[in-house]
PDB file of N, CA and C in Angstrom:
ATOM      1  N   MET A   1       0.731  -0.925   0.231  1.00  0.00           N
ATOM      2  CA  MET A   1      -0.040   0.011  -0.062  1.00  0.00           C
ATOM      3  C   MET A   1       0.706   1.423  -0.177  1.00  0.00           C
ATOM      4  N   LEU A   2       0.694   1.814  -1.034  1.00  0.00           N
ATOM      5  CA  LEU A   2       1.677   3.334  -1.130  1.00  0.00           C
ATOM      6  C   LEU A   2       0.523   4.449  -0.194  1.00  0.00           C
ATOM      7  N   ARG A   3       1.302   5.284  -0.125  1.00  0.00           N
ATOM      8  CA  ARG A   3       0.980   6.494   0.620  1.00  0.00           C
ATOM      9  C   ARG A   3       1.603   7.496  -0.238  1.00  0.00           C
ATOM     10  N   HIS A   4       0.708   8.756  -0.574  1.00  0.00           N
ATOM     11  CA  HIS A   4       1.016   9.799  -1.164  1.00  0.00           C
ATOM     12  C   HIS A   4       1.313  11.059  -0.035  1.00  0.00           C
ATOM     13  N   ALA A   5       2.864  11.596  -0.161  1.00  0.00           N
ATOM     14  CA  ALA A   5       2.747  12.401   0.645  1.00  0.00           C
ATOM     15  C   ALA A   5       2.092  13.882   0.035  1.00  0.00           C
ATOM     16  N   PRO A   6       1.818  14.871   0.887  1.00  0.00           N
ATOM     17  CA  PRO A   6       1.288  15.682   0.390  1.00  0.00           C
ATOM     18  C   PRO A   6       2.310  16.733  -0.560  1.00  0.00           C
ATOM     19  N   SER A   7       2.063  17.023  -1.254  1.00  0.00           N
ATOM     20  CA  SER A   7       3.006  18.346  -2.332  1.00  0.00           C
ATOM     21  C   SER A   7       3.446  19.630  -1.364  1.00  0.00           C
ATOM     22  N   PRO A   8       4.737  19.361  -1.643  1.00  0.00           N
ATOM     23  CA  PRO A   8       5.586  20.913  -0.708  1.00  0.00           C
ATOM     24  C   PRO A   8       4.850  22.067  -1.138  1.00  0.00           C
ATOM     25  N   ARG A   9       4.642  21.821  -2.327  1.00  0.00           N
ATOM     26  CA  ARG A   9       4.178  23.239  -2.801  1.00  0.00           C
ATOM     27  C   ARG A   9       2.798  23.602  -2.569  1.00  0.00           C
ATOM     28  N   ARG A  10       2.095  22.803  -2.184  1.00  0.00           N
ATOM     29  CA  ARG A  10       0.395  23.141  -2.160  1.00  0.00           C
ATOM     30  C   ARG A  10       0.419  23.024  -0.428  1.00  0.00           C
ATOM     31  N   PRO A  11       0.324  24.496  -0.283  1.00  0.00           N
ATOM     32  CA  PRO A  11       0.290  24.178   1.508  1.00  0.00           C
ATOM     33  C   PRO A  11      -1.249  23.422   1.937  1.00  0.00           C
ATOM     34  N   THR A  12      -1.095  22.879   3.636  1.00  0.00           N
ATOM     35  CA  THR A  12      -2.145  22.196   3.713  1.00  0.00           C
ATOM     36  C   THR A  12      -3.672  23.363   3.969  1.00  0.00           C
ATOM     37  N   ILE A  13      -4.460  23.217   4.872  1.00  0.00           N
ATOM     38  CA  ILE A  13      -5.540  24.265   4.730  1.00  0.00           C
ATOM     39  C   ILE A  13      -5.223  24.966   6.323  1.00  0.00           C
ATOM     40  N   GLY A  14      -4.679  24.411   6.964  1.00  0.00           N
ATOM     41  CA  GLY A  14      -4.095  25.383   8.457  1.00  0.00           C
ATOM     42  C   GLY A  14      -3.472  26.178   7.985  1.00  0.00           C
ATOM     43  N   THR A  15      -2.198  25.748   6.748  1.00  0.00           N
ATOM     44  CA  THR A  15      -1.272  26.792   7.106  1.00  0.00           C
ATOM     45  C   THR A  15      -1.552  27.986   5.973  1.00  0.00           C
ATOM     46  N   GLU A  16      -2.581  27.829   5.284  1.00  0.00           N
ATOM     47  CA  GLU A  16      -3.222  28.790   4.434  1.00  0.00           C
ATOM     48  C   GLU A  16      -4.168  29.496   5.089  1.00  0.00           C
ATOM     49  N   THR A  17      -4.941  28.932   5.683  1.00  0.00           N
ATOM     50  CA  THR A  17      -5.830  30.293   6.850  1.00  0.00           C
ATOM     51  C   THR A  17      -4.987  30.915   8.029  1.00  0.00           C
ATOM     52  N   ALA A  18      -3.576  29.993   8.261  1.00  0.00           N
ATOM     53  CA  ALA A  18      -2.783  31.361   8.934  1.00  0.00           C
ATOM     54  C   ALA A  18      -2.392  32.192   8.400  1.00  0.00           C
ATOM     55  N   ARG A  19      -1.924  31.627   6.867  1.00  0.00           N
ATOM     56  CA  ARG A  19      -1.317  33.020   5.941  1.00  0.00           C
ATOM     57  C   ARG A  19      -2.106  34.086   5.725  1.00  0.00           C
ATOM     58  N   VAL A  20      -3.752  33.953   5.536  1.00  0.00           N
ATOM     59  CA  VAL A  20      -4.764  34.775   4.860  1.00  0.00           C
ATOM     60  C   VAL A  20      -4.868  35.565   6.305  1.00  0.00           C
ATOM     61  N   GLU A  21      -4.779  34.968   7.527  1.00  0.00           N
ATOM     62  CA  GLU A  21      -5.218  35.841   8.704  1.00  0.00           C
ATOM     63  C   GLU A  21      -4.005  36.473   9.170  1.00  0.00           C
ATOM     64  N   THR A  22      -2.837  36.266   8.966  1.00  0.00           N
ATOM     65  CA  THR A  22      -1.642  37.202   8.509  1.00  0.00           C
ATOM     66  C   THR A  22      -1.736  38.308   7.825  1.00  0.00           C
ATOM     67  N   ALA A  23      -2.013  37.935   7.072  1.00  0.00           N
ATOM     68  CA  ALA A  23      -2.233  38.944   5.912  1.00  0.00           C
ATOM     69  C   ALA A  23      -3.160  40.069   6.028  1.00  0.00           C
ATOM     70  N   PHE A  24      -4.668  39.339   6.541  1.00  0.00           N
ATOM     71  CA  PHE A  24      -5.712  40.061   6.844  1.00  0.00           C
ATOM     72  C   PHE A  24      -5.476  41.562   8.075  1.00  0.00           C
ATOM     73  N   THR A  25      -4.229  40.721   9.194  1.00  0.00           N
ATOM     74  CA  THR A  25      -4.115  41.137  10.382  1.00  0.00           C
ATOM     75  C   THR A  25      -3.015  42.690  10.019  1.00  0.00           C
ATOM     76  N   ALA A  26      -1.938  42.218   9.071  1.00  0.00           N
ATOM     77  CA  ALA A  26      -1.238  43.133   9.137  1.00  0.00           C
ATOM     78  C   ALA A  26      -1.828  44.265   7.963  1.00  0.00           C
ATOM     79  N   ARG A  27      -2.759  44.301   7.073  1.00  0.00           N
ATOM     80  CA  ARG A  27      -3.604  45.239   6.439  1.00  0.00           C
ATOM     81  C   ARG A  27      -4.401  46.087   7.107  1.00  0.00           C
ATOM     82  N   TYR A  28      -4.847  45.025   8.260  1.00  0.00           N
ATOM     83  CA  TYR A  28      -6.097  46.026   9.061  1.00  0.00           C
ATOM     84  C   TYR A  28      -5.094  47.116  10.144  1.00  0.00           C
ATOM     85  N   GLN A  29      -4.095  46.660  10.252  1.00  0.00           N
ATOM     86  CA  GLN A  29      -3.337  47.369  11.103  1.00  0.00           C
ATOM     87  C   GLN A  29      -2.930  48.841  10.664  1.00  0.00           C
ATOM     88  N   GLU A  30      -2.276  48.379   9.313  1.00  0.00           N
ATOM     89  CA  GLU A  30      -1.864  49.529   8.160  1.00  0.00           C
ATOM     90  C   GLU A  30      -2.953  50.437   7.958  1.00  0.00           C
ATOM     91  N   ASP A  31      -4.208  49.833   7.765  1.00  0.00           N
ATOM     92  CA  ASP A  31      -5.275  50.818   7.137  1.00  0.00           C
ATOM     93  C   ASP A  31      -6.172  51.804   8.571  1.00  0.00           C
ATOM     94  N   GLU A  32      -5.539  50.805   9.655  1.00  0.00           N
ATOM     95  CA  GLU A  32      -6.635  51.670  11.151  1.00  0.00           C
ATOM     96  C   GLU A  32      -6.657  53.070  11.300  1.00  0.00           C
ATOM     97  N   ALA A  33      -5.539  53.832  10.846  1.00  0.00           N
ATOM     98  CA  ALA A  33      -5.424  55.033  11.322  1.00  0.00           C
ATOM     99  C   ALA A  33      -6.276  55.662  10.226  1.00  0.00           C
ATOM    100  N   THR A  34      -6.095  55.305   8.776  1.00  0.00           N
ATOM    101  CA  THR A  34      -7.236  55.950   7.555  1.00  0.00           C
ATOM    102  C   THR A  34      -8.575  56.045   7.537  1.00  0.00           C
ATOM    103  N   VAL A  35      -9.176  54.631   8.449  1.00  0.00           N
ATOM    104  CA  VAL A  35     -10.358  54.039   8.370  1.00  0.00           C
ATOM    105  C   VAL A  35     -10.717  54.867   9.960  1.00  0.00           C
ATOM    106  N   LEU A  36     -10.286  55.140  10.743  1.00  0.00           N
ATOM    107  CA  LEU A  36     -10.466  56.059  12.021  1.00  0.00           C
ATOM    108  C   LEU A  36     -11.095  57.207  11.609  1.00  0.00           C
ATOM    109  N   GLN A  37      -9.873  57.464  10.493  1.00  0.00           N
ATOM    110  CA  GLN A  37     -10.185  59.055  10.165  1.00  0.00           C
ATOM    111  C   GLN A  37     -11.050  59.169   9.261  1.00  0.00           C
ATOM    112  N   GLY A  38     -11.539  58.388   8.688  1.00  0.00           N
ATOM    113  CA  GLY A  38     -12.868  58.361   7.824  1.00  0.00           C
ATOM    114  C   GLY A  38     -14.185  58.148   8.302  1.00  0.00           C
ATOM    115  N   LEU A  39     -14.433  57.862   9.578  1.00  0.00           N
ATOM    116  CA  LEU A  39     -15.114  57.275  10.050  1.00  0.00           C
ATOM    117  C   LEU A  39     -15.794  58.314  11.323  1.00  0.00           C
ATOM    118  N   GLU A  40     -14.942  59.133  11.756  1.00  0.00           N
ATOM    119  CA  GLU A  40     -14.565  60.108  12.847  1.00  0.00           C
ATOM    120  C   GLU A  40     -16.133  61.031  12.250  1.00  0.00           C
ATOM    121  N   PRO A  41     -15.573  61.984  11.084  1.00  0.00           N
ATOM    122  CA  PRO A  41     -16.962  62.961  11.125  1.00  0.00           C
ATOM    123  C   PRO A  41     -18.114  62.164  10.689  1.00  0.00           C
ATOM    124  N   ILE A  42     -18.604  60.757  10.507  1.00  0.00           N
ATOM    125  CA  ILE A  42     -20.092  60.273  10.632  1.00  0.00           C
ATOM    126  C   ILE A  42     -20.302  60.123  11.499  1.00  0.00           C
ATOM    127  N   LEU A  43     -19.458  59.898  12.563  1.00  0.00           N
ATOM    128  CA  LEU A  43     -19.933  59.750  14.040  1.00  0.00           C
ATOM    129  C   LEU A  43     -20.133  60.268  15.191  1.00  0.00           C
ATOM    130  N   ARG A  44     -19.413  61.708  14.495  1.00  0.00           N
ATOM    131  CA  ARG A  44     -19.184  63.025  15.532  1.00  0.00           C
ATOM    132  C   ARG A  44     -20.547  63.715  15.342  1.00  0.00           C
ATOM    133  N   ILE A  45     -21.084  64.317  15.114  1.00  0.00           N
ATOM    134  CA  ILE A  45     -22.459  65.062  14.683  1.00  0.00           C
ATOM    135  C   ILE A  45     -22.040  66.608  15.548  1.00  0.00           C
ATOM    136  N   PRO A  46     -21.332  67.204  15.282  1.00  0.00           N
ATOM    137  CA  PRO A  46     -20.976  68.623  16.128  1.00  0.00           C
ATOM    138  C   PRO A  46     -22.738  68.938  16.335  1.00  0.00           C
ATOM    139  N   ASP A  47     -22.136  69.084  17.635  1.00  0.00           N
ATOM    140  CA  ASP A  47     -23.418  70.081  18.495  1.00  0.00           C
ATOM    141  C   ASP A  47     -24.723  69.659  18.712  1.00  0.00           C
ATOM    142  N   TRP A  48     -24.787  68.295  17.969  1.00  0.00           N
ATOM    143  CA  TRP A  48     -25.927  67.461  18.500  1.00  0.00           C
ATOM    144  C   TRP A  48     -26.049  66.468  19.656  1.00  0.00           C
ATOM    145  N   ARG A  49     -26.523  66.970  20.686  1.00  0.00           N
ATOM    146  CA  ARG A  49     -26.368  66.348  22.011  1.00  0.00           C
ATOM    147  C   ARG A  49     -28.226  65.684  22.591  1.00  0.00           C
ATOM    148  N   LEU A  50     -27.752  64.799  23.036  1.00  0.00           N
ATOM    149  CA  LEU A  50     -28.916  64.279  24.067  1.00  0.00           C
ATOM    150  C   LEU A  50     -29.275  64.939  25.208  1.00  0.00           C
ATOM    151  N   THR A  51     -30.482  66.133  25.103  1.00  0.00           N
ATOM    152  CA  THR A  51     -31.078  66.673  25.687  1.00  0.00           C
ATOM    153  C   THR A  51     -31.798  66.183  26.582  1.00  0.00           C
ATOM    154  N   THR A  52     -31.880  66.547  28.029  1.00  0.00           N
ATOM    155  CA  THR A  52     -33.039  66.711  29.244  1.00  0.00           C
ATOM    156  C   THR A  52     -33.164  67.304  29.602  1.00  0.00           C
ATOM    157  N   ALA A  53     -34.452  67.584  29.813  1.00  0.00           N
ATOM    158  CA  ALA A  53     -34.841  68.953  30.734  1.00  0.00           C
ATOM    159  C   ALA A  53     -36.195  68.555  31.793  1.00  0.00           C
ATOM    160  N   GLU A  54     -35.617  69.489  33.109  1.00  0.00           N
ATOM    161  CA  GLU A  54     -36.642  69.035  33.936  1.00  0.00           C
ATOM    162  C   GLU A  54     -37.733  69.825  34.151  1.00  0.00           C
ATOM    163  N   LEU A  55     -39.152  70.011  34.143  1.00  0.00           N
ATOM    164  CA  LEU A  55     -39.966  71.287  34.048  1.00  0.00           C
ATOM    165  C   LEU A  55     -40.447  70.746  35.311  1.00  0.00           C
ATOM    166  N   VAL A  56     -40.588  71.842  36.362  1.00  0.00           N
ATOM    167  CA  VAL A  56     -41.253  71.817  37.200  1.00  0.00           C
ATOM    168  C   VAL A  56     -42.271  72.983  37.291  1.00  0.00           C
ATOM    169  N   TYR A  57     -43.470  72.328  37.482  1.00  0.00           N
ATOM    170  CA  TYR A  57     -44.967  73.229  37.274  1.00  0.00           C
ATOM    171  C   TYR A  57     -45.583  73.259  38.268  1.00  0.00           C
ATOM    172  N   HIS A  58     -46.501  74.034  38.417  1.00  0.00           N
ATOM    173  CA  HIS A  58     -47.811  74.173  39.275  1.00  0.00           C
ATOM    174  C   HIS A  58     -49.046  73.537  39.001  1.00  0.00           C
ATOM    175  N   LEU A  59     -49.255  72.683  39.700  1.00  0.00           N
ATOM    176  CA  LEU A  59     -50.817  71.890  39.307  1.00  0.00           C
ATOM    177  C   LEU A  59     -51.998  73.049  39.052  1.00  0.00           C
ATOM    178  N   PRO A  60     -52.858  72.447  38.101  1.00  0.00           N
ATOM    179  CA  PRO A  60     -53.373  73.657  37.828  1.00  0.00           C
ATOM    180  C   PRO A  60     -54.668  73.648  39.301  1.00  0.00           C
ATOM    181  N   ASP A  61     -55.313  72.659  39.967  1.00  0.00           N
ATOM    182  CA  ASP A  61     -55.992  72.450  40.920  1.00  0.00           C
ATOM    183  C   ASP A  61     -55.712  73.034  41.904  1.00  0.00           C
ATOM    184  N   HIS A  62     -54.543  73.053  42.208  1.00  0.00           N
ATOM    185  CA  HIS A  62     -53.691  73.256  43.587  1.00  0.00           C
ATOM    186  C   HIS A  62     -52.297  74.305  43.192  1.00  0.00           C
ATOM    187  N   PRO A  63     -52.856  75.502  42.852  1.00  0.00           N
ATOM    188  CA  PRO A  63     -51.241  76.215  42.902  1.00  0.00           C
ATOM    189  C   PRO A  63     -50.238  76.020  43.735  1.00  0.00           C
ATOM    190  N   HIS A  64     -50.197  76.067  44.717  1.00  0.00           N
ATOM    191  CA  HIS A  64     -49.130  75.552  45.723  1.00  0.00           C
ATOM    192  C   HIS A  64     -48.176  74.422  45.574  1.00  0.00           C
ATOM    193  N   VAL A  65     -48.873  73.520  45.172  1.00  0.00           N
ATOM    194  CA  VAL A  65     -48.495  71.878  44.762  1.00  0.00           C
ATOM    195  C   VAL A  65     -47.324  72.439  43.788  1.00  0.00           C
ATOM    196  N   LEU A  66     -45.876  71.825  43.351  1.00  0.00           N
ATOM    197  CA  LEU A  66     -45.266  71.404  42.662  1.00  0.00           C
ATOM    198  C   LEU A  66     -44.950  69.926  41.868  1.00  0.00           C
ATOM    199  N   GLN A  67     -45.304  70.060  40.482  1.00  0.00           N
ATOM    200  CA  GLN A  67     -44.870  68.781  39.821  1.00  0.00           C
ATOM    201  C   GLN A  67     -43.924  69.010  38.951  1.00  0.00           C
ATOM    202  N   SER A  68     -43.207  67.774  38.811  1.00  0.00           N
ATOM    203  CA  SER A  68     -41.954  67.847  37.477  1.00  0.00           C
ATOM    204  C   SER A  68     -42.499  66.797  36.871  1.00  0.00           C
ATOM    205  N   PHE A  69     -41.932  67.020  35.492  1.00  0.00           N
ATOM    206  CA  PHE A  69     -41.887  66.098  34.155  1.00  0.00           C
ATOM    207  C   PHE A  69     -40.433  66.585  33.444  1.00  0.00           C
ATOM    208  N   VAL A  70     -40.109  65.269  33.072  1.00  0.00           N
ATOM    209  CA  VAL A  70     -39.036  65.381  32.591  1.00  0.00           C
ATOM    210  C   VAL A  70     -38.918  65.119  31.018  1.00  0.00           C
ATOM    211  N   TRP A  71     -38.621  65.891  30.386  1.00  0.00           N
ATOM    212  CA  TRP A  71     -38.490  65.809  28.741  1.00  0.00           C
ATOM    213  C   TRP A  71     -37.064  64.998  28.237  1.00  0.00           C
ATOM    214  N   GLN A  72     -36.903  64.211  27.077  1.00  0.00           N
ATOM    215  CA  GLN A  72     -35.714  64.155  26.427  1.00  0.00           C
ATOM    216  C   GLN A  72     -35.761  64.034  25.105  1.00  0.00           C
ATOM    217  N   LYS A  73     -34.690  64.367  24.235  1.00  0.00           N
ATOM    218  CA  LYS A  73     -34.856  64.707  22.649  1.00  0.00           C
ATOM    219  C   LYS A  73     -33.265  64.977  22.571  1.00  0.00           C
ATOM    220  N   ILE A  74     -33.002  64.114  21.121  1.00  0.00           N
ATOM    221  CA  ILE A  74     -31.673  64.851  20.619  1.00  0.00           C
ATOM    222  C   ILE A  74     -32.125  66.583  20.178  1.00  0.00           C
ATOM    223  N   ASP A  75     -30.916  67.253  20.309  1.00  0.00           N
ATOM    224  CA  ASP A  75     -31.215  68.831  20.030  1.00  0.00           C
ATOM    225  C   ASP A  75     -30.172  69.332  19.747  1.00  0.00           C
ATOM    226  N   LEU A  76     -30.173  70.414  19.136  1.00  0.00           N
ATOM    227  CA  LEU A  76     -28.807  71.157  18.246  1.00  0.00           C
ATOM    228  C   LEU A  76     -28.681  72.204  19.428  1.00  0.00           C
ATOM    229  N   ALA A  77     -26.966  72.281  20.307  1.00  0.00           N
ATOM    230  CA  ALA A  77     -26.671  72.998  21.423  1.00  0.00           C
ATOM    231  C   ALA A  77     -25.952  73.981  20.211  1.00  0.00           C
ATOM    232  N   PRO A  78     -25.893  75.037  21.230  1.00  0.00           N
ATOM    233  CA  PRO A  78     -26.655  75.526  22.425  1.00  0.00           C
ATOM    234  C   PRO A  78     -27.781  76.071  22.169  1.00  0.00           C
ATOM    235  N   SER A  79     -28.715  76.371  21.113  1.00  0.00           N
ATOM    236  CA  SER A  79     -29.906  76.929  20.917  1.00  0.00           C
ATOM    237  C   SER A  79     -30.961  76.520  21.008  1.00  0.00           C
ATOM    238  N   PHE A  80     -31.103  74.830  20.920  1.00  0.00           N
ATOM    239  CA  PHE A  80     -31.932  73.763  21.619  1.00  0.00           C
ATOM    240  C   PHE A  80     -33.137  74.476  20.844  1.00  0.00           C
ATOM    241  N   PRO A  81     -33.389  73.805  19.664  1.00  0.00           N
ATOM    242  CA  PRO A  81     -34.368  74.249  18.932  1.00  0.00           C
ATOM    243  C   PRO A  81     -35.973  73.493  19.490  1.00  0.00           C
ATOM    244  N   GLU A  82     -35.299  72.362  19.514  1.00  0.00           N
ATOM    245  CA  GLU A  82     -36.169  71.672  19.729  1.00  0.00           C
ATOM    246  C   GLU A  82     -37.506  71.775  21.583  1.00  0.00           C
ATOM    247  N   LEU A  83     -36.202  71.647  22.198  1.00  0.00           N
ATOM    248  CA  LEU A  83     -36.447  72.535  23.570  1.00  0.00           C
ATOM    249  C   LEU A  83     -37.801  73.646  23.446  1.00  0.00           C
ATOM    250  N   ALA A  84     -37.149  74.461  22.832  1.00  0.00           N
ATOM    251  CA  ALA A  84     -37.898  76.063  22.786  1.00  0.00           C
ATOM    252  C   ALA A  84     -39.195  75.671  22.148  1.00  0.00           C
ATOM    253  N   ARG A  85     -39.072  74.499  21.343  1.00  0.00           N
ATOM    254  CA  ARG A  85     -40.418  74.230  20.477  1.00  0.00           C
ATOM    255  C   ARG A  85     -41.693  73.737  21.421  1.00  0.00           C
ATOM    256  N   PHE A  86     -40.644  72.686  22.191  1.00  0.00           N
ATOM    257  CA  PHE A  86     -41.657  72.294  23.789  1.00  0.00           C
ATOM    258  C   PHE A  86     -42.240  72.899  24.649  1.00  0.00           C
ATOM    259  N   LEU A  87     -41.282  74.128  24.746  1.00  0.00           N
ATOM    260  CA  LEU A  87     -41.978  75.310  25.926  1.00  0.00           C
ATOM    261  C   LEU A  87     -42.852  75.774  25.252  1.00  0.00           C
ATOM    262  N   LYS A  88     -43.051  76.492  23.855  1.00  0.00           N
ATOM    263  CA  LYS A  88     -44.152  77.147  23.521  1.00  0.00           C
ATOM    264  C   LYS A  88     -45.490  76.553  23.487  1.00  0.00           C
ATOM    265  N   PHE A  89     -44.821  74.817  22.988  1.00  0.00           N
ATOM    266  CA  PHE A  89     -46.594  74.299  23.274  1.00  0.00           C
ATOM    267  C   PHE A  89     -46.962  74.047  24.364  1.00  0.00           C
ATOM    268  N   TRP A  90     -45.914  73.914  25.357  1.00  0.00           N
ATOM    269  CA  TRP A  90     -46.292  73.778  27.084  1.00  0.00           C
ATOM    270  C   TRP A  90     -46.925  75.086  27.231  1.00  0.00           C
ATOM    271  N   GLU A  91     -46.699  76.124  27.217  1.00  0.00           N
ATOM    272  CA  GLU A  91     -46.967  77.287  27.202  1.00  0.00           C
ATOM    273  C   GLU A  91     -48.457  77.367  27.150  1.00  0.00           C
ATOM    274  N   ALA A  92     -48.691  76.914  25.583  1.00  0.00           N
ATOM    275  CA  ALA A  92     -49.733  77.390  24.673  1.00  0.00           C
ATOM    276  C   ALA A  92     -51.314  76.208  24.915  1.00  0.00           C
ATOM    277  N   ARG A  93     -50.518  74.859  25.304  1.00  0.00           N
ATOM    278  CA  ARG A  93     -51.863  74.285  25.334  1.00  0.00           C
ATOM    279  C   ARG A  93     -52.093  73.367  26.635  1.00  0.00           C
ATOM    280  N   ILE A  94     -50.693  73.053  27.842  1.00  0.00           N
ATOM    281  CA  ILE A  94     -50.730  72.780  28.792  1.00  0.00           C
ATOM    282  C   ILE A  94     -51.483  73.734  30.176  1.00  0.00           C
ATOM    283  N   ASP A  95     -52.350  73.416  30.963  1.00  0.00           N
ATOM    284  CA  ASP A  95     -52.848  74.551  32.268  1.00  0.00           C
ATOM    285  C   ASP A  95     -51.586  75.209  32.949  1.00  0.00           C
ATOM    286  N   GLY A  96     -51.288  73.866  33.409  1.00  0.00           N
ATOM    287  CA  GLY A  96     -49.915  74.229  34.634  1.00  0.00           C
ATOM    288  C   GLY A  96     -48.527  74.943  33.998  1.00  0.00           C
ATOM    289  N   PRO A  97     -48.638  76.346  35.006  1.00  0.00           N
ATOM    290  CA  PRO A  97     -47.773  77.351  34.497  1.00  0.00           C
ATOM    291  C   PRO A  97     -46.527  76.565  35.261  1.00  0.00           C
ATOM    292  N   LEU A  98     -45.420  77.249  34.257  1.00  0.00           N
ATOM    293  CA  LEU A  98     -44.231  76.867  34.600  1.00  0.00           C
ATOM    294  C   LEU A  98     -43.598  77.134  35.662  1.00  0.00           C
ATOM    295  N   HIS A  99     -42.973  76.591  36.620  1.00  0.00           N
ATOM    296  CA  HIS A  99     -42.021  77.289  37.896  1.00  0.00           C
ATOM    297  C   HIS A  99     -40.700  77.202  37.343  1.00  0.00           C
ATOM    298  N   SER A 100     -39.988  75.985  37.199  1.00  0.00           N
ATOM    299  CA  SER A 100     -38.641  76.543  36.256  1.00  0.00           C
ATOM    300  C   SER A 100     -38.131  75.022  35.720  1.00  0.00           C
ATOM    301  N   VAL A 101     -37.528  75.573  34.763  1.00  0.00           N
ATOM    302  CA  VAL A 101     -36.844  74.521  33.653  1.00  0.00           C
ATOM    303  C   VAL A 101     -35.273  74.472  33.902  1.00  0.00           C
ATOM    304  N   ARG A 102     -34.808  73.222  34.167  1.00  0.00           N
ATOM    305  CA  ARG A 102     -33.293  72.616  34.221  1.00  0.00           C
ATOM    306  C   ARG A 102     -33.076  71.741  33.169  1.00  0.00           C
ATOM    307  N   VAL A 103     -31.874  72.251  31.992  1.00  0.00           N
ATOM    308  CA  VAL A 103     -31.824  71.195  30.929  1.00  0.00           C
ATOM    309  C   VAL A 103     -30.331  71.308  31.065  1.00  0.00           C
ATOM    310  N   ALA A 104     -29.680  69.710  31.115  1.00  0.00           N
ATOM    311  CA  ALA A 104     -28.547  68.902  30.901  1.00  0.00           C
ATOM    312  C   ALA A 104     -28.716  68.548  29.696  1.00  0.00           C
ATOM    313  N   SER A 105     -27.360  68.561  29.069  1.00  0.00           N
ATOM    314  CA  SER A 105     -26.913  67.540  27.369  1.00  0.00           C
ATOM    315  C   SER A 105     -25.529  67.329  27.569  1.00  0.00           C
ATOM    316  N   ALA A 106     -25.415  66.322  26.822  1.00  0.00           N
ATOM    317  CA  ALA A 106     -24.409  65.471  26.383  1.00  0.00           C
ATOM    318  C   ALA A 106     -23.959  65.073  25.049  1.00  0.00           C
ATOM    319  N   ALA A 107     -22.717  65.105  24.955  1.00  0.00           N
ATOM    320  CA  ALA A 107     -22.668  64.411  23.473  1.00  0.00           C
ATOM    321  C   ALA A 107     -23.089  63.075  23.239  1.00  0.00           C
ATOM    322  N   LEU A 108     -23.487  62.902  22.129  1.00  0.00           N
ATOM    323  CA  LEU A 108     -24.082  61.585  21.524  1.00  0.00           C
ATOM    324  C   LEU A 108     -22.614  60.753  21.377  1.00  0.00           C
ATOM    325  N   THR A 109     -21.848  60.968  20.640  1.00  0.00           N
ATOM    326  CA  THR A 109     -20.081  60.009  21.354  1.00  0.00           C
ATOM    327  C   THR A 109     -19.334  60.973  21.718  1.00  0.00           C
ATOM    328  N   ARG A 110     -18.751  60.155  22.340  1.00  0.00           N
ATOM    329  CA  ARG A 110     -17.185  60.528  22.705  1.00  0.00           C
ATOM    330  C   ARG A 110     -16.100  60.118  21.631  1.00  0.00           C
ATOM    331  N   PRO A 111     -14.926  60.569  21.361  1.00  0.00           N
ATOM    332  CA  PRO A 111     -13.500  60.125  20.689  1.00  0.00           C
ATOM    333  C   PRO A 111     -13.280  58.274  21.531  1.00  0.00           C
ATOM    334  N   ALA A 112     -13.196  58.468  22.738  1.00  0.00           N
ATOM    335  CA  ALA A 112     -12.641  57.563  23.498  1.00  0.00           C
ATOM    336  C   ALA A 112     -13.707  56.155  23.326  1.00  0.00           C
ATOM    337  N   GLU A 113     -15.337  56.317  22.803  1.00  0.00           N
ATOM    338  CA  GLU A 113     -15.957  55.002  22.662  1.00  0.00           C
ATOM    339  C   GLU A 113     -15.702  54.560  21.573  1.00  0.00           C
ATOM    340  N   LEU A 114     -15.014  55.237  20.933  1.00  0.00           N
ATOM    341  CA  LEU A 114     -14.645  54.149  19.293  1.00  0.00           C
ATOM    342  C   LEU A 114     -13.217  53.886  19.330  1.00  0.00           C
ATOM    343  N   ARG A 115     -13.389  52.469  19.902  1.00  0.00           N
ATOM    344  CA  ARG A 115     -11.564  51.660  19.792  1.00  0.00           C
ATOM    345  C   ARG A 115     -12.145  50.528  18.680  1.00  0.00           C
ATOM    346  N   TYR A 116     -10.654  50.148  18.497  1.00  0.00           N
ATOM    347  CA  TYR A 116     -10.239  49.001  17.566  1.00  0.00           C
ATOM    348  C   TYR A 116     -10.077  47.812  18.130  1.00  0.00           C
ATOM    349  N   ALA A 117     -10.377  46.525  18.264  1.00  0.00           N
ATOM    350  CA  ALA A 117     -10.107  45.316  18.886  1.00  0.00           C
ATOM    351  C   ALA A 117      -8.584  45.217  18.091  1.00  0.00           C
ATOM    352  N   ASN A 118      -7.431  44.642  19.286  1.00  0.00           N
ATOM    353  CA  ASN A 118      -5.976  44.460  18.959  1.00  0.00           C
ATOM    354  C   ASN A 118      -5.939  43.098  18.520  1.00  0.00           C
ATOM    355  N   GLY A 119      -7.069  42.231  17.880  1.00  0.00           N
ATOM    356  CA  GLY A 119      -6.712  40.911  17.409  1.00  0.00           C
ATOM    357  C   GLY A 119      -7.722  40.357  16.700  1.00  0.00           C
ATOM    358  N   VAL A 120      -7.466  39.445  16.252  1.00  0.00           N
ATOM    359  CA  VAL A 120      -8.516  38.312  15.656  1.00  0.00           C
ATOM    360  C   VAL A 120      -9.101  37.573  16.076  1.00  0.00           C
ATOM    361  N   TYR A 121     -10.430  37.043  16.620  1.00  0.00           N
ATOM    362  CA  TYR A 121     -10.444  36.088  17.403  1.00  0.00           C
ATOM    363  C   TYR A 121     -11.745  35.259  16.508  1.00  0.00           C
ATOM    364  N   ARG A 122     -11.437  34.150  16.242  1.00  0.00           N
ATOM    365  CA  ARG A 122     -12.070  33.141  15.782  1.00  0.00           C
ATOM    366  C   ARG A 122     -12.731  32.272  16.906  1.00  0.00           C
ATOM    367  N   VAL A 123     -14.073  31.897  16.247  1.00  0.00           N
ATOM    368  CA  VAL A 123     -14.978  31.248  17.117  1.00  0.00           C
ATOM    369  C   VAL A 123     -14.949  29.426  16.826  1.00  0.00           C
ATOM    370  N   HIS A 124     -14.854  29.303  15.889  1.00  0.00           N
ATOM    371  CA  HIS A 124     -15.119  28.311  15.401  1.00  0.00           C
ATOM    372  C   HIS A 124     -13.425  27.662  14.416  1.00  0.00           C
TER     373      HIS A 124
END
């Protein structure tokens, strides 16, 4: 019974997979800075922020009692046009007069939130 040895010119499947992974990793590391620079303008929308407003208002039937309402939406800082539109709606349509409005806003993404993995992990 003769056994044929694999040809030295033809790599085995494991060797070919390792070669492809090595080439992919090298190419990935070369392009990492270029890809990050290309994605940053898309991911970071300047001045658009998650805006949260706490509205404290007087109850219509009991003016001495205060109640709070929390409103949250993505809005353009620092003018906050969506918040201004909502406050106009409140003044026109809601019976409870406003006592105070407290506003907080946070950027949607920060540069530290976008990171690349340092390796390629195979599940199977």
